[in-house]
Amino acid sequence: MRNVAIHATRLALMGLARLVTGVSPRWQGCGPSGEQRIYFANHASHGDFVLIRTVLPPKLRAATRPVAGADYWRRGAMRRFVGNDVFNAVLIERSETTAARDVLAPIKTVLGEGASLIIFPEGTRNQTDAPLLPFKSGIYHIARAFPSIPLVPVWIENIGRVMPKGELLPVPLLCSVTFGAPTRLQDGERRPAFLKRCEAALMATAPGAEAGHGV
């Protein structure tokens, strides 16, 4: 019975996402693939990973887990149910003050098991007028630990206006999810250069941006 409830809730939330946003995928720099990937996206709302999962083909969706903050998704029975059971999220303790390798241990475990991931390198929702917040170092440590897994930039357009901060109900507005060209950590690349390059790759994926080559 519980599995039925989980499946029904998952379908309902993805159906609501499609209904409210009319979300569509744009495979701009790569196509759907069964290879293991790390999708890294801009972060404007708690509904971001739902949109990305919604536009992935079913087989890829089943093999892809979102990374999310435990402080939000463990707060209350309903959030725990959606985060843990419905979307099988990898929950991270963002308030931890230990070294990055300890905070990222759940991510590394899941990648080691062969799953693909959806991550948000800004670390928190962007509520500013800037297109992106500076990336946290987590994506660098992940890339160092798993250099063979491609990193795919994903730009979510308009979701911040669909789910404005402080509002209880979404505002209907067309959204898109654009997948850019995969990249990897280069030999000898230092953290500041890598983070700036990933930020630029994500910005280049936004609709209307001129995507660069060889990112």
N, C-alpha and C. Protein backbone atom coordinates (compact mmCIF):
# COMPACT_ATOMS: atom_id res chain seq x y z
N MET A 1 0.83 -1.21 0.00
CA MET A 1 0.00 0.00 0.00
C MET A 1 0.87 1.27 0.00
N ARG A 2 1.96 1.22 0.78
CA ARG A 2 2.85 2.38 0.84
C ARG A 2 3.49 2.64 -0.52
N ASN A 3 3.90 1.56 -1.21
CA ASN A 3 4.50 1.74 -2.53
C ASN A 3 3.52 2.36 -3.51
N VAL A 4 2.25 2.01 -3.39
CA VAL A 4 1.22 2.60 -4.25
C VAL A 4 1.11 4.10 -3.97
N ALA A 5 1.14 4.47 -2.69
CA ALA A 5 1.05 5.88 -2.33
C ALA A 5 2.25 6.66 -2.84
N ILE A 6 3.44 6.04 -2.73
CA ILE A 6 4.65 6.71 -3.21
C ILE A 6 4.57 6.94 -4.72
N HIS A 7 4.19 5.91 -5.45
CA HIS A 7 4.10 6.02 -6.90
C HIS A 7 3.04 7.04 -7.31
N ALA A 8 1.89 7.02 -6.66
CA ALA A 8 0.82 7.95 -6.98
C ALA A 8 1.23 9.40 -6.69
N THR A 9 1.91 9.61 -5.58
CA THR A 9 2.37 10.96 -5.23
C THR A 9 3.40 11.45 -6.23
N ARG A 10 4.31 10.58 -6.63
CA ARG A 10 5.34 10.95 -7.61
C ARG A 10 4.68 11.37 -8.93
N LEU A 11 3.74 10.59 -9.41
CA LEU A 11 3.05 10.93 -10.66
C LEU A 11 2.27 12.22 -10.53
N ALA A 12 1.64 12.41 -9.37
CA ALA A 12 0.83 13.62 -9.16
C ALA A 12 1.70 14.87 -9.17
N LEU A 13 2.86 14.81 -8.50
CA LEU A 13 3.73 15.99 -8.43
C LEU A 13 4.33 16.31 -9.80
N MET A 14 4.72 15.28 -10.54
CA MET A 14 5.25 15.54 -11.88
C MET A 14 4.15 16.04 -12.81
N GLY A 15 2.94 15.51 -12.65
CA GLY A 15 1.82 15.99 -13.45
C GLY A 15 1.50 17.45 -13.13
N LEU A 16 1.57 17.82 -11.85
CA LEU A 16 1.33 19.20 -11.46
C LEU A 16 2.41 20.11 -12.04
N ALA A 17 3.66 19.64 -12.02
CA ALA A 17 4.76 20.43 -12.59
C ALA A 17 4.51 20.70 -14.08
N ARG A 18 4.09 19.68 -14.80
CA ARG A 18 3.81 19.86 -16.23
C ARG A 18 2.63 20.80 -16.44
N LEU A 19 1.60 20.66 -15.61
CA LEU A 19 0.40 21.47 -15.76
C LEU A 19 0.68 22.94 -15.51
N VAL A 20 1.41 23.23 -14.45
CA VAL A 20 1.66 24.62 -14.05
C VAL A 20 2.70 25.30 -14.93
N THR A 21 3.72 24.54 -15.34
CA THR A 21 4.84 25.17 -16.04
C THR A 21 4.91 24.85 -17.52
N GLY A 22 4.20 23.82 -17.96
CA GLY A 22 4.34 23.41 -19.36
C GLY A 22 5.78 23.06 -19.69
N VAL A 23 6.51 22.55 -18.71
CA VAL A 23 7.96 22.39 -18.83
C VAL A 23 8.33 21.49 -20.01
N SER A 24 9.38 21.90 -20.72
CA SER A 24 9.87 21.14 -21.85
C SER A 24 11.38 21.04 -21.79
N PRO A 25 11.96 19.91 -22.22
CA PRO A 25 13.42 19.77 -22.22
C PRO A 25 14.02 20.33 -23.51
N ARG A 26 15.22 20.88 -23.39
CA ARG A 26 15.99 21.32 -24.54
C ARG A 26 17.36 20.67 -24.45
N TRP A 27 17.58 19.66 -25.26
CA TRP A 27 18.87 18.97 -25.25
C TRP A 27 19.79 19.72 -26.20
N GLN A 28 20.43 20.74 -25.69
CA GLN A 28 21.19 21.68 -26.51
C GLN A 28 22.63 21.24 -26.73
N GLY A 29 23.30 20.76 -25.68
CA GLY A 29 24.71 20.40 -25.80
C GLY A 29 24.96 18.91 -25.71
N CYS A 30 23.92 18.14 -25.47
CA CYS A 30 24.03 16.67 -25.39
C CYS A 30 22.63 16.11 -25.53
N GLY A 31 22.55 14.80 -25.71
CA GLY A 31 21.26 14.14 -25.79
C GLY A 31 21.04 13.24 -24.59
N PRO A 32 19.84 12.71 -24.43
CA PRO A 32 19.59 11.77 -23.34
C PRO A 32 20.52 10.56 -23.48
N SER A 33 21.06 10.10 -22.38
CA SER A 33 21.99 8.97 -22.42
C SER A 33 21.89 8.19 -21.13
N GLY A 34 22.08 6.90 -21.24
CA GLY A 34 22.07 6.04 -20.06
C GLY A 34 23.37 6.05 -19.29
N GLU A 35 24.39 6.79 -19.78
CA GLU A 35 25.65 6.85 -19.04
C GLU A 35 25.44 7.57 -17.71
N GLN A 36 26.27 7.24 -16.74
CA GLN A 36 26.20 7.93 -15.46
C GLN A 36 26.62 9.38 -15.64
N ARG A 37 25.83 10.29 -15.07
CA ARG A 37 26.09 11.71 -15.20
C ARG A 37 25.86 12.43 -13.88
N ILE A 38 26.47 13.61 -13.78
CA ILE A 38 26.16 14.54 -12.70
C ILE A 38 25.58 15.78 -13.36
N TYR A 39 24.29 16.02 -13.17
CA TYR A 39 23.63 17.20 -13.70
C TYR A 39 23.76 18.33 -12.67
N PHE A 40 24.34 19.46 -13.06
CA PHE A 40 24.44 20.58 -12.12
C PHE A 40 23.64 21.76 -12.65
N ALA A 41 22.80 22.33 -11.79
CA ALA A 41 21.79 23.29 -12.24
C ALA A 41 21.76 24.54 -11.38
N ASN A 42 21.17 25.60 -11.94
CA ASN A 42 20.88 26.80 -11.16
C ASN A 42 19.75 26.49 -10.18
N HIS A 43 19.68 27.29 -9.12
CA HIS A 43 18.79 26.93 -8.01
C HIS A 43 17.97 28.15 -7.57
N ALA A 44 16.67 28.14 -7.90
CA ALA A 44 15.81 29.26 -7.56
C ALA A 44 14.63 28.86 -6.68
N SER A 45 14.32 27.56 -6.60
CA SER A 45 13.17 27.15 -5.79
C SER A 45 13.34 25.71 -5.35
N HIS A 46 12.50 25.29 -4.40
CA HIS A 46 12.53 23.90 -3.94
C HIS A 46 11.94 22.95 -4.98
N GLY A 47 11.34 23.49 -6.04
CA GLY A 47 10.79 22.65 -7.08
C GLY A 47 11.75 22.36 -8.22
N ASP A 48 12.99 22.83 -8.12
CA ASP A 48 13.94 22.70 -9.23
C ASP A 48 14.18 21.25 -9.64
N PHE A 49 14.49 20.40 -8.66
CA PHE A 49 14.82 19.03 -9.05
C PHE A 49 13.61 18.28 -9.58
N VAL A 50 12.40 18.71 -9.17
CA VAL A 50 11.19 18.07 -9.69
C VAL A 50 11.08 18.32 -11.19
N LEU A 51 11.38 19.55 -11.63
CA LEU A 51 11.31 19.86 -13.05
C LEU A 51 12.34 19.06 -13.84
N ILE A 52 13.56 18.97 -13.32
CA ILE A 52 14.59 18.23 -14.05
C ILE A 52 14.20 16.76 -14.17
N ARG A 53 13.77 16.17 -13.08
CA ARG A 53 13.34 14.77 -13.12
C ARG A 53 12.16 14.58 -14.06
N THR A 54 11.26 15.54 -14.08
CA THR A 54 10.06 15.43 -14.91
C THR A 54 10.40 15.32 -16.39
N VAL A 55 11.42 16.05 -16.85
CA VAL A 55 11.73 16.06 -18.28
C VAL A 55 12.69 14.95 -18.69
N LEU A 56 13.29 14.24 -17.73
CA LEU A 56 14.16 13.13 -18.09
C LEU A 56 13.32 11.95 -18.59
N PRO A 57 13.80 11.22 -19.60
CA PRO A 57 13.11 9.99 -20.01
C PRO A 57 12.98 9.03 -18.83
N PRO A 58 11.94 8.20 -18.80
CA PRO A 58 11.67 7.36 -17.62
C PRO A 58 12.86 6.53 -17.15
N LYS A 59 13.62 5.91 -18.05
CA LYS A 59 14.74 5.08 -17.62
C LYS A 59 15.83 5.92 -16.95
N LEU A 60 16.07 7.12 -17.47
CA LEU A 60 17.07 8.00 -16.87
C LEU A 60 16.56 8.53 -15.54
N ARG A 61 15.28 8.84 -15.48
CA ARG A 61 14.68 9.36 -14.25
C ARG A 61 14.85 8.36 -13.10
N ALA A 62 14.65 7.09 -13.40
CA ALA A 62 14.74 6.06 -12.38
C ALA A 62 16.16 5.91 -11.84
N ALA A 63 17.15 6.27 -12.67
CA ALA A 63 18.55 6.10 -12.27
C ALA A 63 19.17 7.39 -11.75
N THR A 64 18.38 8.45 -11.61
CA THR A 64 18.91 9.77 -11.24
C THR A 64 18.30 10.23 -9.92
N ARG A 65 19.16 10.60 -8.97
CA ARG A 65 18.71 11.04 -7.66
C ARG A 65 19.10 12.50 -7.42
N PRO A 66 18.20 13.30 -6.88
CA PRO A 66 18.54 14.68 -6.55
C PRO A 66 19.29 14.78 -5.23
N VAL A 67 20.16 15.77 -5.12
CA VAL A 67 20.83 16.07 -3.86
C VAL A 67 20.14 17.30 -3.27
N ALA A 68 19.78 17.24 -2.00
CA ALA A 68 19.02 18.32 -1.38
C ALA A 68 19.44 18.49 0.07
N GLY A 69 19.07 19.63 0.65
CA GLY A 69 19.43 19.95 2.02
C GLY A 69 18.56 19.20 3.03
N ALA A 70 19.21 18.49 3.93
CA ALA A 70 18.48 17.74 4.95
C ALA A 70 17.70 18.66 5.87
N ASP A 71 18.20 19.88 6.10
CA ASP A 71 17.53 20.80 7.01
C ASP A 71 16.13 21.17 6.52
N TYR A 72 15.92 21.14 5.20
CA TYR A 72 14.59 21.45 4.65
C TYR A 72 13.75 20.17 4.51
N TRP A 73 14.31 19.12 3.93
CA TRP A 73 13.52 17.96 3.56
C TRP A 73 13.27 16.99 4.71
N ARG A 74 13.88 17.22 5.87
CA ARG A 74 13.57 16.41 7.04
C ARG A 74 12.68 17.15 8.02
N ARG A 75 12.22 18.33 7.63
CA ARG A 75 11.39 19.14 8.51
C ARG A 75 9.92 18.84 8.25
N GLY A 76 9.34 17.98 9.05
CA GLY A 76 7.92 17.64 8.90
C GLY A 76 7.73 16.33 8.16
N ALA A 77 6.66 15.62 8.50
CA ALA A 77 6.40 14.29 7.95
C ALA A 77 6.19 14.33 6.44
N MET A 78 5.48 15.34 5.93
CA MET A 78 5.21 15.40 4.50
C MET A 78 6.48 15.62 3.69
N ARG A 79 7.33 16.54 4.15
CA ARG A 79 8.59 16.78 3.43
C ARG A 79 9.47 15.53 3.46
N ARG A 80 9.52 14.85 4.60
CA ARG A 80 10.32 13.63 4.69
C ARG A 80 9.80 12.59 3.72
N PHE A 81 8.48 12.48 3.62
CA PHE A 81 7.89 11.50 2.71
C PHE A 81 8.25 11.83 1.26
N VAL A 82 8.11 13.10 0.87
CA VAL A 82 8.40 13.51 -0.51
C VAL A 82 9.89 13.38 -0.81
N GLY A 83 10.73 13.89 0.09
CA GLY A 83 12.17 13.86 -0.15
C GLY A 83 12.75 12.46 -0.13
N ASN A 84 12.43 11.69 0.90
CA ASN A 84 13.02 10.37 1.06
C ASN A 84 12.36 9.31 0.19
N ASP A 85 11.05 9.25 0.23
CA ASP A 85 10.33 8.15 -0.41
C ASP A 85 9.94 8.43 -1.85
N VAL A 86 9.38 9.60 -2.09
CA VAL A 86 8.87 9.90 -3.44
C VAL A 86 10.01 10.14 -4.42
N PHE A 87 11.00 10.96 -4.02
CA PHE A 87 12.07 11.32 -4.96
C PHE A 87 13.43 10.73 -4.60
N ASN A 88 13.50 9.95 -3.53
CA ASN A 88 14.74 9.24 -3.19
C ASN A 88 15.94 10.17 -3.17
N ALA A 89 15.77 11.34 -2.55
CA ALA A 89 16.82 12.36 -2.54
C ALA A 89 17.99 11.94 -1.66
N VAL A 90 19.17 12.39 -2.05
CA VAL A 90 20.37 12.24 -1.23
C VAL A 90 20.44 13.49 -0.36
N LEU A 91 20.21 13.35 0.92
CA LEU A 91 20.11 14.50 1.81
C LEU A 91 21.45 14.82 2.46
N ILE A 92 21.81 16.11 2.39
CA ILE A 92 23.09 16.58 2.86
C ILE A 92 22.89 17.51 4.05
N GLU A 93 23.70 17.33 5.07
CA GLU A 93 23.66 18.21 6.24
C GLU A 93 24.47 19.47 5.93
N ARG A 94 23.80 20.51 5.45
CA ARG A 94 24.50 21.72 5.03
C ARG A 94 25.07 22.50 6.20
N SER A 95 24.61 22.26 7.42
CA SER A 95 25.10 23.00 8.57
C SER A 95 26.36 22.39 9.17
N GLU A 96 26.79 21.25 8.62
CA GLU A 96 27.98 20.59 9.14
C GLU A 96 29.20 21.47 8.97
N THR A 97 30.09 21.46 9.94
CA THR A 97 31.32 22.26 9.87
C THR A 97 32.54 21.38 9.67
N THR A 98 32.33 20.10 9.40
CA THR A 98 33.45 19.21 9.15
C THR A 98 33.98 19.42 7.74
N ALA A 99 35.05 18.72 7.40
CA ALA A 99 35.67 18.88 6.09
C ALA A 99 34.69 18.48 4.99
N ALA A 100 34.92 19.02 3.79
CA ALA A 100 34.01 18.78 2.67
C ALA A 100 33.85 17.29 2.39
N ARG A 101 34.92 16.52 2.56
CA ARG A 101 34.83 15.10 2.24
C ARG A 101 33.83 14.39 3.14
N ASP A 102 33.65 14.86 4.38
CA ASP A 102 32.68 14.26 5.28
C ASP A 102 31.25 14.66 4.91
N VAL A 103 31.06 15.92 4.59
CA VAL A 103 29.74 16.40 4.19
C VAL A 103 29.29 15.71 2.91
N LEU A 104 30.22 15.44 2.02
CA LEU A 104 29.89 14.88 0.71
C LEU A 104 29.87 13.35 0.71
N ALA A 105 30.10 12.72 1.85
CA ALA A 105 30.16 11.26 1.90
C ALA A 105 28.92 10.59 1.31
N PRO A 106 27.69 11.05 1.61
CA PRO A 106 26.52 10.40 1.01
C PRO A 106 26.51 10.50 -0.52
N ILE A 107 26.96 11.63 -1.05
CA ILE A 107 27.03 11.80 -2.50
C ILE A 107 28.00 10.80 -3.10
N LYS A 108 29.16 10.68 -2.50
CA LYS A 108 30.18 9.77 -3.03
C LYS A 108 29.73 8.32 -2.96
N THR A 109 29.00 7.99 -1.91
CA THR A 109 28.48 6.62 -1.80
C THR A 109 27.52 6.31 -2.93
N VAL A 110 26.61 7.23 -3.21
CA VAL A 110 25.61 7.02 -4.26
C VAL A 110 26.27 6.98 -5.64
N LEU A 111 27.23 7.85 -5.89
CA LEU A 111 27.94 7.81 -7.17
C LEU A 111 28.71 6.50 -7.31
N GLY A 112 29.28 6.03 -6.22
CA GLY A 112 30.00 4.77 -6.26
C GLY A 112 29.09 3.59 -6.57
N GLU A 113 27.81 3.74 -6.27
CA GLU A 113 26.83 2.69 -6.56
C GLU A 113 26.32 2.77 -8.00
N GLY A 114 26.72 3.82 -8.73
CA GLY A 114 26.36 3.91 -10.15
C GLY A 114 25.20 4.82 -10.50
N ALA A 115 24.62 5.50 -9.52
CA ALA A 115 23.51 6.40 -9.80
C ALA A 115 24.00 7.71 -10.40
N SER A 116 23.15 8.35 -11.19
CA SER A 116 23.38 9.72 -11.62
C SER A 116 22.80 10.66 -10.57
N LEU A 117 23.28 11.91 -10.57
CA LEU A 117 22.83 12.86 -9.56
C LEU A 117 22.43 14.18 -10.18
N ILE A 118 21.55 14.89 -9.47
CA ILE A 118 21.22 16.29 -9.76
C ILE A 118 21.73 17.10 -8.58
N ILE A 119 22.64 18.05 -8.85
CA ILE A 119 23.19 18.87 -7.76
C ILE A 119 22.99 20.35 -8.08
N PHE A 120 23.08 21.16 -7.03
CA PHE A 120 22.92 22.61 -7.16
C PHE A 120 24.14 23.28 -6.52
N PRO A 121 25.16 23.61 -7.33
CA PRO A 121 26.44 24.08 -6.79
C PRO A 121 26.37 25.42 -6.06
N GLU A 122 25.29 26.19 -6.26
CA GLU A 122 25.18 27.44 -5.52
C GLU A 122 24.99 27.18 -4.02
N GLY A 123 24.49 26.01 -3.69
CA GLY A 123 24.36 25.62 -2.29
C GLY A 123 23.08 26.06 -1.62
N THR A 124 22.43 27.07 -2.15
CA THR A 124 21.18 27.56 -1.60
C THR A 124 20.39 28.23 -2.72
N ARG A 125 19.12 28.47 -2.49
CA ARG A 125 18.30 29.12 -3.53
C ARG A 125 18.77 30.55 -3.77
N ASN A 126 18.84 30.91 -5.03
CA ASN A 126 19.25 32.26 -5.40
C ASN A 126 18.03 33.19 -5.37
N GLN A 127 17.99 34.07 -4.38
CA GLN A 127 16.89 35.02 -4.24
C GLN A 127 17.34 36.44 -4.58
N THR A 128 18.48 36.56 -5.28
CA THR A 128 19.02 37.86 -5.65
C THR A 128 18.70 38.17 -7.11
N ASP A 129 19.12 39.34 -7.56
CA ASP A 129 18.94 39.71 -8.97
C ASP A 129 20.05 39.16 -9.85
N ALA A 130 21.09 38.62 -9.26
CA ALA A 130 22.19 38.04 -10.04
C ALA A 130 21.73 36.71 -10.66
N PRO A 131 22.19 36.39 -11.87
CA PRO A 131 21.76 35.14 -12.49
C PRO A 131 22.22 33.90 -11.74
N LEU A 132 23.40 33.99 -11.09
CA LEU A 132 23.93 32.87 -10.32
C LEU A 132 24.62 33.38 -9.06
N LEU A 133 24.57 32.58 -8.01
CA LEU A 133 25.42 32.82 -6.86
C LEU A 133 26.76 32.12 -7.10
N PRO A 134 27.85 32.57 -6.48
CA PRO A 134 29.13 31.88 -6.64
C PRO A 134 29.00 30.41 -6.22
N PHE A 135 29.62 29.53 -6.99
CA PHE A 135 29.54 28.11 -6.70
C PHE A 135 30.32 27.77 -5.43
N LYS A 136 29.75 26.87 -4.63
CA LYS A 136 30.46 26.30 -3.50
C LYS A 136 31.48 25.27 -4.00
N SER A 137 32.36 24.85 -3.14
CA SER A 137 33.46 23.97 -3.56
C SER A 137 33.05 22.51 -3.71
N GLY A 138 31.81 22.16 -3.32
CA GLY A 138 31.39 20.77 -3.36
C GLY A 138 31.54 20.12 -4.72
N ILE A 139 31.16 20.84 -5.78
CA ILE A 139 31.22 20.26 -7.12
C ILE A 139 32.67 19.94 -7.51
N TYR A 140 33.61 20.73 -7.01
CA TYR A 140 35.02 20.48 -7.29
C TYR A 140 35.47 19.19 -6.61
N HIS A 141 35.10 19.02 -5.35
CA HIS A 141 35.50 17.81 -4.63
C HIS A 141 34.86 16.56 -5.25
N ILE A 142 33.64 16.69 -5.71
CA ILE A 142 32.98 15.57 -6.38
C ILE A 142 33.70 15.23 -7.68
N ALA A 143 34.03 16.25 -8.46
CA ALA A 143 34.72 16.02 -9.73
C ALA A 143 36.10 15.40 -9.52
N ARG A 144 36.78 15.78 -8.45
CA ARG A 144 38.08 15.18 -8.15
C ARG A 144 37.94 13.71 -7.78
N ALA A 145 36.88 13.38 -7.05
CA ALA A 145 36.69 12.01 -6.60
C ALA A 145 36.20 11.10 -7.74
N PHE A 146 35.48 11.68 -8.70
CA PHE A 146 34.92 10.90 -9.81
C PHE A 146 35.20 11.61 -11.14
N PRO A 147 36.47 11.67 -11.54
CA PRO A 147 36.83 12.46 -12.72
C PRO A 147 36.29 11.92 -14.04
N SER A 148 35.89 10.66 -14.07
CA SER A 148 35.41 10.08 -15.33
C SER A 148 33.93 10.35 -15.58
N ILE A 149 33.20 10.81 -14.56
CA ILE A 149 31.76 11.05 -14.73
C ILE A 149 31.55 12.44 -15.33
N PRO A 150 30.87 12.54 -16.47
CA PRO A 150 30.66 13.86 -17.07
C PRO A 150 29.72 14.73 -16.25
N LEU A 151 30.02 16.01 -16.22
CA LEU A 151 29.20 17.01 -15.54
C LEU A 151 28.39 17.75 -16.60
N VAL A 152 27.08 17.71 -16.49
CA VAL A 152 26.20 18.31 -17.50
C VAL A 152 25.51 19.54 -16.91
N PRO A 153 25.78 20.74 -17.47
CA PRO A 153 25.09 21.93 -16.97
C PRO A 153 23.62 21.92 -17.38
N VAL A 154 22.76 22.33 -16.47
CA VAL A 154 21.31 22.35 -16.73
C VAL A 154 20.75 23.69 -16.28
N TRP A 155 20.16 24.43 -17.22
CA TRP A 155 19.58 25.72 -16.87
C TRP A 155 18.06 25.61 -16.78
N ILE A 156 17.52 25.98 -15.62
CA ILE A 156 16.07 25.99 -15.41
C ILE A 156 15.58 27.42 -15.59
N GLU A 157 14.71 27.63 -16.57
CA GLU A 157 14.24 28.97 -16.89
C GLU A 157 12.86 29.23 -16.30
N ASN A 158 12.74 30.33 -15.55
CA ASN A 158 11.47 30.87 -15.04
C ASN A 158 10.93 30.23 -13.77
N ILE A 159 11.58 29.19 -13.24
CA ILE A 159 11.00 28.52 -12.08
C ILE A 159 10.92 29.46 -10.87
N GLY A 160 11.85 30.42 -10.75
CA GLY A 160 11.80 31.35 -9.63
C GLY A 160 10.55 32.20 -9.63
N ARG A 161 10.01 32.46 -10.83
CA ARG A 161 8.78 33.25 -10.92
C ARG A 161 7.54 32.39 -10.77
N VAL A 162 7.68 31.07 -11.02
CA VAL A 162 6.56 30.15 -10.79
C VAL A 162 6.36 29.92 -9.30
N MET A 163 7.46 29.82 -8.56
CA MET A 163 7.40 29.57 -7.12
C MET A 163 8.06 30.72 -6.37
N PRO A 164 7.46 31.91 -6.38
CA PRO A 164 8.08 33.05 -5.68
C PRO A 164 8.15 32.82 -4.19
N LYS A 165 9.21 33.34 -3.58
CA LYS A 165 9.43 33.13 -2.15
C LYS A 165 8.26 33.68 -1.33
N GLY A 166 7.79 32.89 -0.38
CA GLY A 166 6.72 33.33 0.51
C GLY A 166 5.32 33.02 0.01
N GLU A 167 5.19 32.54 -1.24
CA GLU A 167 3.87 32.22 -1.78
C GLU A 167 3.56 30.74 -1.55
N LEU A 168 2.31 30.45 -1.26
CA LEU A 168 1.89 29.08 -1.01
C LEU A 168 1.54 28.33 -2.28
N LEU A 169 1.05 29.06 -3.29
CA LEU A 169 0.61 28.42 -4.53
C LEU A 169 1.49 28.86 -5.69
N PRO A 170 1.76 27.95 -6.64
CA PRO A 170 2.56 28.32 -7.80
C PRO A 170 1.78 29.22 -8.75
N VAL A 171 2.52 30.04 -9.50
CA VAL A 171 1.94 30.92 -10.50
C VAL A 171 2.17 30.29 -11.87
N PRO A 172 1.13 29.98 -12.65
CA PRO A 172 1.34 29.33 -13.95
C PRO A 172 2.24 30.18 -14.85
N LEU A 173 3.28 29.57 -15.39
CA LEU A 173 4.22 30.27 -16.26
C LEU A 173 5.06 29.22 -16.97
N LEU A 174 5.28 29.40 -18.27
CA LEU A 174 6.04 28.43 -19.04
C LEU A 174 7.49 28.37 -18.57
N CYS A 175 8.00 27.17 -18.40
CA CYS A 175 9.39 26.94 -17.99
C CYS A 175 10.07 26.02 -19.00
N SER A 176 11.37 26.07 -19.00
CA SER A 176 12.15 25.15 -19.82
C SER A 176 13.34 24.65 -19.02
N VAL A 177 13.84 23.49 -19.40
CA VAL A 177 15.03 22.90 -18.80
C VAL A 177 16.00 22.60 -19.93
N THR A 178 17.13 23.30 -19.96
CA THR A 178 18.10 23.18 -21.05
C THR A 178 19.34 22.44 -20.57
N PHE A 179 19.71 21.40 -21.30
CA PHE A 179 20.88 20.59 -20.99
C PHE A 179 22.03 21.02 -21.89
N GLY A 180 23.15 21.41 -21.28
CA GLY A 180 24.29 21.89 -22.04
C GLY A 180 25.32 20.82 -22.33
N ALA A 181 26.48 21.26 -22.80
CA ALA A 181 27.56 20.35 -23.17
C ALA A 181 28.26 19.82 -21.92
N PRO A 182 28.50 18.50 -21.85
CA PRO A 182 29.19 17.93 -20.69
C PRO A 182 30.62 18.45 -20.56
N THR A 183 31.10 18.47 -19.33
CA THR A 183 32.47 18.87 -19.05
C THR A 183 33.04 17.97 -17.97
N ARG A 184 34.33 18.06 -17.74
CA ARG A 184 35.00 17.30 -16.69
C ARG A 184 36.11 18.15 -16.09
N LEU A 185 36.60 17.74 -14.94
CA LEU A 185 37.76 18.38 -14.33
C LEU A 185 38.98 18.08 -15.19
N GLN A 186 39.73 19.10 -15.54
CA GLN A 186 40.91 18.93 -16.36
C GLN A 186 42.12 18.59 -15.51
N ASP A 187 43.08 17.91 -16.10
CA ASP A 187 44.30 17.54 -15.38
C ASP A 187 44.98 18.79 -14.80
N GLY A 188 45.23 18.76 -13.52
CA GLY A 188 45.94 19.86 -12.88
C GLY A 188 45.11 21.11 -12.65
N GLU A 189 43.83 21.07 -12.95
CA GLU A 189 42.99 22.26 -12.80
C GLU A 189 42.74 22.55 -11.33
N ARG A 190 42.96 23.78 -10.93
CA ARG A 190 42.76 24.18 -9.55
C ARG A 190 41.30 24.56 -9.31
N ARG A 191 40.93 24.56 -8.02
CA ARG A 191 39.53 24.79 -7.66
C ARG A 191 38.96 26.10 -8.18
N PRO A 192 39.61 27.26 -7.98
CA PRO A 192 38.99 28.52 -8.45
C PRO A 192 38.72 28.53 -9.95
N ALA A 193 39.68 28.02 -10.73
CA ALA A 193 39.50 28.00 -12.19
C ALA A 193 38.37 27.06 -12.59
N PHE A 194 38.30 25.91 -11.92
CA PHE A 194 37.26 24.94 -12.24
C PHE A 194 35.88 25.50 -11.93
N LEU A 195 35.73 26.12 -10.76
CA LEU A 195 34.43 26.67 -10.38
C LEU A 195 34.00 27.76 -11.35
N LYS A 196 34.91 28.64 -11.73
CA LYS A 196 34.57 29.70 -12.68
C LYS A 196 34.18 29.11 -14.03
N ARG A 197 34.87 28.06 -14.45
CA ARG A 197 34.56 27.43 -15.73
C ARG A 197 33.18 26.77 -15.69
N CYS A 198 32.85 26.14 -14.58
CA CYS A 198 31.52 25.53 -14.45
C CYS A 198 30.42 26.59 -14.41
N GLU A 199 30.67 27.68 -13.72
CA GLU A 199 29.71 28.79 -13.71
C GLU A 199 29.48 29.30 -15.13
N ALA A 200 30.57 29.48 -15.88
CA ALA A 200 30.45 29.97 -17.26
C ALA A 200 29.70 28.96 -18.14
N ALA A 201 29.96 27.67 -17.93
CA ALA A 201 29.28 26.64 -18.71
C ALA A 201 27.78 26.65 -18.45
N LEU A 202 27.40 26.87 -17.18
CA LEU A 202 25.98 26.92 -16.85
C LEU A 202 25.33 28.17 -17.43
N MET A 203 26.00 29.31 -17.31
CA MET A 203 25.46 30.54 -17.88
C MET A 203 25.30 30.42 -19.40
N ALA A 204 26.23 29.74 -20.06
CA ALA A 204 26.17 29.58 -21.51
C ALA A 204 25.00 28.69 -21.94
N THR A 205 24.46 27.92 -21.00
CA THR A 205 23.34 27.03 -21.30
C THR A 205 21.99 27.72 -21.22
N ALA A 206 21.95 28.89 -20.58
CA ALA A 206 20.69 29.63 -20.43
C ALA A 206 20.14 30.01 -21.80
N PRO A 207 18.82 29.92 -22.00
CA PRO A 207 18.22 30.33 -23.26
C PRO A 207 18.62 31.76 -23.62
N GLY A 208 19.03 31.94 -24.87
CA GLY A 208 19.45 33.26 -25.33
C GLY A 208 20.92 33.51 -25.21
N ALA A 209 21.63 32.68 -24.44
CA ALA A 209 23.08 32.85 -24.30
C ALA A 209 23.77 32.20 -25.49
N GLU A 210 24.90 32.72 -25.84
CA GLU A 210 25.70 32.12 -26.90
C GLU A 210 26.60 31.08 -26.27
N ALA A 211 26.26 29.80 -26.49
CA ALA A 211 27.03 28.72 -25.88
C ALA A 211 28.43 28.68 -26.47
N GLY A 212 29.39 28.57 -25.57
CA GLY A 212 30.77 28.47 -26.03
C GLY A 212 31.09 27.07 -26.46
N HIS A 213 32.25 26.88 -27.04
CA HIS A 213 32.68 25.56 -27.49
C HIS A 213 33.89 25.14 -26.69
N GLY A 214 33.97 23.81 -26.44
CA GLY A 214 35.10 23.27 -25.70
C GLY A 214 35.14 23.70 -24.26
N VAL A 215 33.97 23.87 -23.62
CA VAL A 215 33.91 24.29 -22.23
C VAL A 215 34.49 23.22 -21.34
